[in-house]
Amino acid sequence: TFTVSNLGMFGIDEFTAIINAPDSCILAIGGIDQVPVVKNGQIVPGNIMKVTLTCDHRVVDGATGAAFLQTLKSLLEEPVRILA
């Protein structure tokens, strides 16, 4: 099974969640911060959120976990892709 743990609502920016049996992964969601980012050569306000994934490597290979995070990142950055 898979668990999502969100501490962002408590002002926590980043944390590492610990897997509880019988889960194979847990996704830790931190808060959203507004920071300066470069977009189209301009410095503009941007939102960032730190997300970490803890996996039981007996069940999930690290490369598979990394691929999951890359897909999640791309969907969060462009949510309209979820509809495609």
PDB file of N, CA and C in Angstrom:
ATOM      1  N   THR A   1       0.836  -1.194   0.000  1.00  0.00           N
ATOM      2  CA  THR A   1       0.000   0.000   0.000  1.00  0.00           C
ATOM      3  C   THR A   1       0.872   1.245   0.000  1.00  0.00           C
ATOM      4  N   PHE A   2       0.225   2.393  -0.133  1.00  0.00           N
ATOM      5  CA  PHE A   2       0.913   3.672  -0.310  1.00  0.00           C
ATOM      6  C   PHE A   2       0.231   4.698   0.585  1.00  0.00           C
ATOM      7  N   THR A   3       1.016   5.514   1.289  1.00  0.00           N
ATOM      8  CA  THR A   3       0.477   6.532   2.180  1.00  0.00           C
ATOM      9  C   THR A   3       0.987   7.900   1.772  1.00  0.00           C
ATOM     10  N   VAL A   4       0.146   8.919   1.959  1.00  0.00           N
ATOM     11  CA  VAL A   4       0.540  10.311   1.759  1.00  0.00           C
ATOM     12  C   VAL A   4       0.483  10.996   3.117  1.00  0.00           C
ATOM     13  N   SER A   5       1.572  11.675   3.488  1.00  0.00           N
ATOM     14  CA  SER A   5       1.650  12.405   4.749  1.00  0.00           C
ATOM     15  C   SER A   5       1.885  13.878   4.451  1.00  0.00           C
ATOM     16  N   ASN A   6       0.983  14.745   4.916  1.00  0.00           N
ATOM     17  CA  ASN A   6       1.055  16.174   4.647  1.00  0.00           C
ATOM     18  C   ASN A   6       1.261  16.930   5.956  1.00  0.00           C
ATOM     19  N   LEU A   7       2.420  17.572   6.100  1.00  0.00           N
ATOM     20  CA  LEU A   7       2.668  18.443   7.251  1.00  0.00           C
ATOM     21  C   LEU A   7       2.775  19.901   6.823  1.00  0.00           C
ATOM     22  N   GLY A   8       2.562  20.167   5.539  1.00  0.00           N
ATOM     23  CA  GLY A   8       2.635  21.526   5.024  1.00  0.00           C
ATOM     24  C   GLY A   8       1.671  22.468   5.709  1.00  0.00           C
ATOM     25  N   MET A   9       0.505  21.982   6.096  1.00  0.00           N
ATOM     26  CA  MET A   9      -0.502  22.817   6.745  1.00  0.00           C
ATOM     27  C   MET A   9      -0.063  23.284   8.132  1.00  0.00           C
ATOM     28  N   PHE A  10       0.997  22.669   8.667  1.00  0.00           N
ATOM     29  CA  PHE A  10       1.533  23.064   9.962  1.00  0.00           C
ATOM     30  C   PHE A  10       2.787  23.918   9.834  1.00  0.00           C
ATOM     31  N   GLY A  11       3.080  24.384   8.611  1.00  0.00           N
ATOM     32  CA  GLY A  11       4.244  25.237   8.388  1.00  0.00           C
ATOM     33  C   GLY A  11       5.546  24.473   8.206  1.00  0.00           C
ATOM     34  N   ILE A  12       5.479  23.162   8.033  1.00  0.00           N
ATOM     35  CA  ILE A  12       6.670  22.346   7.812  1.00  0.00           C
ATOM     36  C   ILE A  12       7.003  22.388   6.327  1.00  0.00           C
ATOM     37  N   ASP A  13       8.223  22.809   5.990  1.00  0.00           N
ATOM     38  CA  ASP A  13       8.623  22.920   4.588  1.00  0.00           C
ATOM     39  C   ASP A  13       9.052  21.589   3.987  1.00  0.00           C
ATOM     40  N   GLU A  14       9.742  20.772   4.783  1.00  0.00           N
ATOM     41  CA  GLU A  14      10.291  19.519   4.257  1.00  0.00           C
ATOM     42  C   GLU A  14      10.495  18.550   5.410  1.00  0.00           C
ATOM     43  N   PHE A  15      10.194  17.276   5.161  1.00  0.00           N
ATOM     44  CA  PHE A  15      10.436  16.246   6.168  1.00  0.00           C
ATOM     45  C   PHE A  15      10.564  14.898   5.474  1.00  0.00           C
ATOM     46  N   THR A  16      11.102  13.945   6.179  1.00  0.00           N
ATOM     47  CA  THR A  16      11.209  12.584   5.671  1.00  0.00           C
ATOM     48  C   THR A  16      10.269  11.712   6.488  1.00  0.00           C
ATOM     49  N   ALA A  17       9.297  11.125   5.832  1.00  0.00           N
ATOM     50  CA  ALA A  17       8.321  10.284   6.514  1.00  0.00           C
ATOM     51  C   ALA A  17       8.873   8.867   6.661  1.00  0.00           C
ATOM     52  N   ILE A  18       8.464   8.207   7.721  1.00  0.00           N
ATOM     53  CA  ILE A  18       8.905   6.836   8.001  1.00  0.00           C
ATOM     54  C   ILE A  18       7.785   5.873   7.627  1.00  0.00           C
ATOM     55  N   ILE A  19       8.146   4.828   6.902  1.00  0.00           N
ATOM     56  CA  ILE A  19       7.171   3.833   6.448  1.00  0.00           C
ATOM     57  C   ILE A  19       6.646   3.035   7.638  1.00  0.00           C
ATOM     58  N   ASN A  20       5.332   2.852   7.663  1.00  0.00           N
ATOM     59  CA  ASN A  20       4.695   1.980   8.650  1.00  0.00           C
ATOM     60  C   ASN A  20       4.224   0.715   7.939  1.00  0.00           C
ATOM     61  N   ALA A  21       4.416  -0.430   8.586  1.00  0.00           N
ATOM     62  CA  ALA A  21       3.944  -1.692   7.997  1.00  0.00           C
ATOM     63  C   ALA A  21       2.430  -1.622   7.847  1.00  0.00           C
ATOM     64  N   PRO A  22       1.858  -2.134   6.802  1.00  0.00           N
ATOM     65  CA  PRO A  22       2.406  -2.908   5.702  1.00  0.00           C
ATOM     66  C   PRO A  22       2.696  -2.065   4.449  1.00  0.00           C
ATOM     67  N   ASP A  23       2.839  -0.752   4.594  1.00  0.00           N
ATOM     68  CA  ASP A  23       3.068   0.119   3.429  1.00  0.00           C
ATOM     69  C   ASP A  23       4.389  -0.194   2.750  1.00  0.00           C
ATOM     70  N   SER A  24       4.439   0.100   1.444  1.00  0.00           N
ATOM     71  CA  SER A  24       5.687  -0.040   0.702  1.00  0.00           C
ATOM     72  C   SER A  24       6.309   1.315   0.410  1.00  0.00           C
ATOM     73  N   CYS A  25       5.492   2.391   0.440  1.00  0.00           N
ATOM     74  CA  CYS A  25       5.992   3.753   0.201  1.00  0.00           C
ATOM     75  C   CYS A  25       5.183   4.750   1.014  1.00  0.00           C
ATOM     76  N   ILE A  26       5.803   5.889   1.294  1.00  0.00           N
ATOM     77  CA  ILE A  26       5.096   7.009   1.905  1.00  0.00           C
ATOM     78  C   ILE A  26       5.611   8.285   1.262  1.00  0.00           C
ATOM     79  N   LEU A  27       4.683   9.130   0.846  1.00  0.00           N
ATOM     80  CA  LEU A  27       4.995  10.392   0.190  1.00  0.00           C
ATOM     81  C   LEU A  27       4.819  11.506   1.208  1.00  0.00           C
ATOM     82  N   ALA A  28       5.879  12.275   1.446  1.00  0.00           N
ATOM     83  CA  ALA A  28       5.858  13.376   2.407  1.00  0.00           C
ATOM     84  C   ALA A  28       5.675  14.692   1.658  1.00  0.00           C
ATOM     85  N   ILE A  29       4.621  15.438   1.996  1.00  0.00           N
ATOM     86  CA  ILE A  29       4.291  16.696   1.333  1.00  0.00           C
ATOM     87  C   ILE A  29       4.563  17.848   2.291  1.00  0.00           C
ATOM     88  N   GLY A  30       5.449  18.766   1.875  1.00  0.00           N
ATOM     89  CA  GLY A  30       5.740  19.958   2.663  1.00  0.00           C
ATOM     90  C   GLY A  30       4.872  21.122   2.219  1.00  0.00           C
ATOM     91  N   GLY A  31       5.050  22.257   2.896  1.00  0.00           N
ATOM     92  CA  GLY A  31       4.279  23.451   2.573  1.00  0.00           C
ATOM     93  C   GLY A  31       4.743  24.111   1.285  1.00  0.00           C
ATOM     94  N   ILE A  32       3.906  24.999   0.768  1.00  0.00           N
ATOM     95  CA  ILE A  32       4.228  25.754  -0.439  1.00  0.00           C
ATOM     96  C   ILE A  32       4.846  27.082  -0.027  1.00  0.00           C
ATOM     97  N   ASP A  33       5.995  27.407  -0.617  1.00  0.00           N
ATOM     98  CA  ASP A  33       6.685  28.673  -0.371  1.00  0.00           C
ATOM     99  C   ASP A  33       6.734  29.470  -1.660  1.00  0.00           C
ATOM    100  N   GLN A  34       6.628  30.791  -1.530  1.00  0.00           N
ATOM    101  CA  GLN A  34       6.784  31.654  -2.702  1.00  0.00           C
ATOM    102  C   GLN A  34       8.213  32.181  -2.714  1.00  0.00           C
ATOM    103  N   VAL A  35       8.901  31.955  -3.839  1.00  0.00           N
ATOM    104  CA  VAL A  35      10.303  32.351  -3.995  1.00  0.00           C
ATOM    105  C   VAL A  35      10.490  32.987  -5.367  1.00  0.00           C
ATOM    106  N   PRO A  36      11.567  33.776  -5.530  1.00  0.00           N
ATOM    107  CA  PRO A  36      11.843  34.317  -6.863  1.00  0.00           C
ATOM    108  C   PRO A  36      12.320  33.215  -7.807  1.00  0.00           C
ATOM    109  N   VAL A  37      11.762  33.197  -9.020  1.00  0.00           N
ATOM    110  CA  VAL A  37      12.173  32.245 -10.047  1.00  0.00           C
ATOM    111  C   VAL A  37      12.373  32.996 -11.357  1.00  0.00           C
ATOM    112  N   VAL A  38      13.183  32.426 -12.242  1.00  0.00           N
ATOM    113  CA  VAL A  38      13.395  33.023 -13.561  1.00  0.00           C
ATOM    114  C   VAL A  38      12.450  32.343 -14.537  1.00  0.00           C
ATOM    115  N   LYS A  39      11.608  33.149 -15.192  1.00  0.00           N
ATOM    116  CA  LYS A  39      10.660  32.634 -16.179  1.00  0.00           C
ATOM    117  C   LYS A  39      10.685  33.565 -17.384  1.00  0.00           C
ATOM    118  N   ASN A  40      11.045  33.004 -18.541  1.00  0.00           N
ATOM    119  CA  ASN A  40      11.160  33.796 -19.769  1.00  0.00           C
ATOM    120  C   ASN A  40      12.135  34.962 -19.602  1.00  0.00           C
ATOM    121  N   GLY A  41      13.242  34.720 -18.887  1.00  0.00           N
ATOM    122  CA  GLY A  41      14.270  35.738 -18.705  1.00  0.00           C
ATOM    123  C   GLY A  41      13.922  36.803 -17.682  1.00  0.00           C
ATOM    124  N   GLN A  42      12.806  36.670 -17.003  1.00  0.00           N
ATOM    125  CA  GLN A  42      12.369  37.642 -15.997  1.00  0.00           C
ATOM    126  C   GLN A  42      12.338  36.966 -14.626  1.00  0.00           C
ATOM    127  N   ILE A  43      12.625  37.743 -13.591  1.00  0.00           N
ATOM    128  CA  ILE A  43      12.489  37.235 -12.227  1.00  0.00           C
ATOM    129  C   ILE A  43      11.063  37.534 -11.780  1.00  0.00           C
ATOM    130  N   VAL A  44      10.337  36.468 -11.449  1.00  0.00           N
ATOM    131  CA  VAL A  44       8.934  36.586 -11.048  1.00  0.00           C
ATOM    132  C   VAL A  44       8.696  35.715  -9.812  1.00  0.00           C
ATOM    133  N   PRO A  45       7.608  35.972  -9.064  1.00  0.00           N
ATOM    134  CA  PRO A  45       7.296  35.097  -7.931  1.00  0.00           C
ATOM    135  C   PRO A  45       6.891  33.709  -8.431  1.00  0.00           C
ATOM    136  N   GLY A  46       7.370  32.696  -7.753  1.00  0.00           N
ATOM    137  CA  GLY A  46       7.017  31.319  -8.099  1.00  0.00           C
ATOM    138  C   GLY A  46       6.751  30.515  -6.841  1.00  0.00           C
ATOM    139  N   ASN A  47       5.939  29.502  -6.960  1.00  0.00           N
ATOM    140  CA  ASN A  47       5.620  28.635  -5.828  1.00  0.00           C
ATOM    141  C   ASN A  47       6.439  27.356  -5.908  1.00  0.00           C
ATOM    142  N   ILE A  48       7.003  26.944  -4.769  1.00  0.00           N
ATOM    143  CA  ILE A  48       7.715  25.667  -4.694  1.00  0.00           C
ATOM    144  C   ILE A  48       7.143  24.850  -3.541  1.00  0.00           C
ATOM    145  N   MET A  49       7.206  23.549  -3.701  1.00  0.00           N
ATOM    146  CA  MET A  49       6.756  22.633  -2.668  1.00  0.00           C
ATOM    147  C   MET A  49       7.730  21.462  -2.666  1.00  0.00           C
ATOM    148  N   LYS A  50       8.222  21.108  -1.501  1.00  0.00           N
ATOM    149  CA  LYS A  50       9.154  19.984  -1.402  1.00  0.00           C
ATOM    150  C   LYS A  50       8.377  18.711  -1.085  1.00  0.00           C
ATOM    151  N   VAL A  51       8.686  17.685  -1.868  1.00  0.00           N
ATOM    152  CA  VAL A  51       8.033  16.387  -1.738  1.00  0.00           C
ATOM    153  C   VAL A  51       9.125  15.329  -1.662  1.00  0.00           C
ATOM    154  N   THR A  52       9.029  14.431  -0.697  1.00  0.00           N
ATOM    155  CA  THR A  52       9.996  13.339  -0.604  1.00  0.00           C
ATOM    156  C   THR A  52       9.249  12.007  -0.593  1.00  0.00           C
ATOM    157  N   LEU A  53       9.911  10.996  -1.108  1.00  0.00           N
ATOM    158  CA  LEU A  53       9.329   9.659  -1.168  1.00  0.00           C
ATOM    159  C   LEU A  53      10.247   8.698  -0.430  1.00  0.00           C
ATOM    160  N   THR A  54       9.677   7.971   0.512  1.00  0.00           N
ATOM    161  CA  THR A  54      10.408   6.923   1.210  1.00  0.00           C
ATOM    162  C   THR A  54       9.865   5.588   0.724  1.00  0.00           C
ATOM    163  N   CYS A  55      10.757   4.708   0.275  1.00  0.00           N
ATOM    164  CA  CYS A  55      10.347   3.411  -0.284  1.00  0.00           C
ATOM    165  C   CYS A  55      11.017   2.271   0.462  1.00  0.00           C
ATOM    166  N   ASP A  56      10.294   1.181   0.583  1.00  0.00           N
ATOM    167  CA  ASP A  56      10.870  -0.070   1.056  1.00  0.00           C
ATOM    168  C   ASP A  56      11.518  -0.723  -0.163  1.00  0.00           C
ATOM    169  N   HIS A  57      12.843  -0.771  -0.192  1.00  0.00           N
ATOM    170  CA  HIS A  57      13.556  -1.256  -1.373  1.00  0.00           C
ATOM    171  C   HIS A  57      13.404  -2.764  -1.597  1.00  0.00           C
ATOM    172  N   ARG A  58      12.777  -3.448  -0.679  1.00  0.00           N
ATOM    173  CA  ARG A  58      12.447  -4.855  -0.934  1.00  0.00           C
ATOM    174  C   ARG A  58      11.262  -4.950  -1.890  1.00  0.00           C
ATOM    175  N   VAL A  59      10.496  -3.852  -1.980  1.00  0.00           N
ATOM    176  CA  VAL A  59       9.280  -3.839  -2.797  1.00  0.00           C
ATOM    177  C   VAL A  59       9.407  -2.912  -4.001  1.00  0.00           C
ATOM    178  N   VAL A  60       9.996  -1.731  -3.790  1.00  0.00           N
ATOM    179  CA  VAL A  60      10.076  -0.702  -4.838  1.00  0.00           C
ATOM    180  C   VAL A  60      11.537  -0.340  -5.074  1.00  0.00           C
ATOM    181  N   ASP A  61      11.988  -0.485  -6.308  1.00  0.00           N
ATOM    182  CA  ASP A  61      13.348  -0.100  -6.682  1.00  0.00           C
ATOM    183  C   ASP A  61      13.471   1.426  -6.649  1.00  0.00           C
ATOM    184  N   GLY A  62      14.632   1.925  -6.276  1.00  0.00           N
ATOM    185  CA  GLY A  62      14.860   3.366  -6.205  1.00  0.00           C
ATOM    186  C   GLY A  62      14.625   4.080  -7.525  1.00  0.00           C
ATOM    187  N   ALA A  63      14.989   3.452  -8.631  1.00  0.00           N
ATOM    188  CA  ALA A  63      14.778   4.059  -9.952  1.00  0.00           C
ATOM    189  C   ALA A  63      13.288   4.200 -10.253  1.00  0.00           C
ATOM    190  N   THR A  64      12.497   3.227  -9.824  1.00  0.00           N
ATOM    191  CA  THR A  64      11.049   3.301 -10.011  1.00  0.00           C
ATOM    192  C   THR A  64      10.464   4.430  -9.170  1.00  0.00           C
ATOM    193  N   GLY A  65      10.951   4.568  -7.949  1.00  0.00           N
ATOM    194  CA  GLY A  65      10.509   5.668  -7.092  1.00  0.00           C
ATOM    195  C   GLY A  65      10.866   7.020  -7.680  1.00  0.00           C
ATOM    196  N   ALA A  66      12.066   7.138  -8.234  1.00  0.00           N
ATOM    197  CA  ALA A  66      12.495   8.393  -8.863  1.00  0.00           C
ATOM    198  C   ALA A  66      11.640   8.710 -10.082  1.00  0.00           C
ATOM    199  N   ALA A  67      11.303   7.700 -10.868  1.00  0.00           N
ATOM    200  CA  ALA A  67      10.441   7.904 -12.036  1.00  0.00           C
ATOM    201  C   ALA A  67       9.053   8.374 -11.600  1.00  0.00           C
ATOM    202  N   PHE A  68       8.552   7.805 -10.505  1.00  0.00           N
ATOM    203  CA  PHE A  68       7.260   8.245  -9.966  1.00  0.00           C
ATOM    204  C   PHE A  68       7.313   9.722  -9.584  1.00  0.00           C
ATOM    205  N   LEU A  69       8.384  10.132  -8.893  1.00  0.00           N
ATOM    206  CA  LEU A  69       8.514  11.535  -8.489  1.00  0.00           C
ATOM    207  C   LEU A  69       8.624  12.461  -9.695  1.00  0.00           C
ATOM    208  N   GLN A  70       9.326  12.040 -10.735  1.00  0.00           N
ATOM    209  CA  GLN A  70       9.423  12.861 -11.950  1.00  0.00           C
ATOM    210  C   GLN A  70       8.052  13.041 -12.595  1.00  0.00           C
ATOM    211  N   THR A  71       7.275  11.973 -12.650  1.00  0.00           N
ATOM    212  CA  THR A  71       5.928  12.060 -13.218  1.00  0.00           C
ATOM    213  C   THR A  71       5.039  12.953 -12.361  1.00  0.00           C
ATOM    214  N   LEU A  72       5.101  12.786 -11.045  1.00  0.00           N
ATOM    215  CA  LEU A  72       4.317  13.621 -10.133  1.00  0.00           C
ATOM    216  C   LEU A  72       4.675  15.090 -10.304  1.00  0.00           C
ATOM    217  N   LYS A  73       5.965  15.388 -10.396  1.00  0.00           N
ATOM    218  CA  LYS A  73       6.437  16.762 -10.584  1.00  0.00           C
ATOM    219  C   LYS A  73       5.858  17.367 -11.858  1.00  0.00           C
ATOM    220  N   SER A  74       5.932  16.626 -12.948  1.00  0.00           N
ATOM    221  CA  SER A  74       5.438  17.164 -14.220  1.00  0.00           C
ATOM    222  C   SER A  74       3.925  17.386 -14.172  1.00  0.00           C
ATOM    223  N   LEU A  75       3.179  16.519 -13.501  1.00  0.00           N
ATOM    224  CA  LEU A  75       1.729  16.689 -13.393  1.00  0.00           C
ATOM    225  C   LEU A  75       1.356  17.853 -12.481  1.00  0.00           C
ATOM    226  N   LEU A  76       2.118  18.066 -11.420  1.00  0.00           N
ATOM    227  CA  LEU A  76       1.847  19.201 -10.535  1.00  0.00           C
ATOM    228  C   LEU A  76       2.180  20.524 -11.213  1.00  0.00           C
ATOM    229  N   GLU A  77       3.219  20.518 -12.053  1.00  0.00           N
ATOM    230  CA  GLU A  77       3.612  21.742 -12.752  1.00  0.00           C
ATOM    231  C   GLU A  77       2.643  22.087 -13.877  1.00  0.00           C
ATOM    232  N   GLU A  78       2.023  21.071 -14.481  1.00  0.00           N
ATOM    233  CA  GLU A  78       1.065  21.281 -15.575  1.00  0.00           C
ATOM    234  C   GLU A  78      -0.143  20.368 -15.353  1.00  0.00           C
ATOM    235  N   PRO A  79      -1.044  20.744 -14.428  1.00  0.00           N
ATOM    236  CA  PRO A  79      -2.153  19.854 -14.074  1.00  0.00           C
ATOM    237  C   PRO A  79      -3.100  19.525 -15.227  1.00  0.00           C
ATOM    238  N   VAL A  80      -3.119  20.345 -16.265  1.00  0.00           N
ATOM    239  CA  VAL A  80      -3.983  20.049 -17.408  1.00  0.00           C
ATOM    240  C   VAL A  80      -3.585  18.729 -18.071  1.00  0.00           C
ATOM    241  N   ARG A  81      -2.342  18.298 -17.880  1.00  0.00           N
ATOM    242  CA  ARG A  81      -1.871  17.020 -18.439  1.00  0.00           C
ATOM    243  C   ARG A  81      -2.598  15.822 -17.822  1.00  0.00           C
ATOM    244  N   ILE A  82      -3.169  16.005 -16.636  1.00  0.00           N
ATOM    245  CA  ILE A  82      -3.911  14.912 -16.004  1.00  0.00           C
ATOM    246  C   ILE A  82      -5.124  14.548 -16.855  1.00  0.00           C
ATOM    247  N   LEU A  83      -5.676  15.532 -17.551  1.00  0.00           N
ATOM    248  CA  LEU A  83      -6.861  15.310 -18.379  1.00  0.00           C
ATOM    249  C   LEU A  83      -6.538  14.678 -19.723  1.00  0.00           C
ATOM    250  N   ALA A  84      -5.262  14.700 -20.101  1.00  0.00           N
ATOM    251  CA  ALA A  84      -4.879  14.190 -21.427  1.00  0.00           C
ATOM    252  C   ALA A  84      -4.831  12.680 -21.462  1.00  0.00           C
TER     253      ALA A  84
END
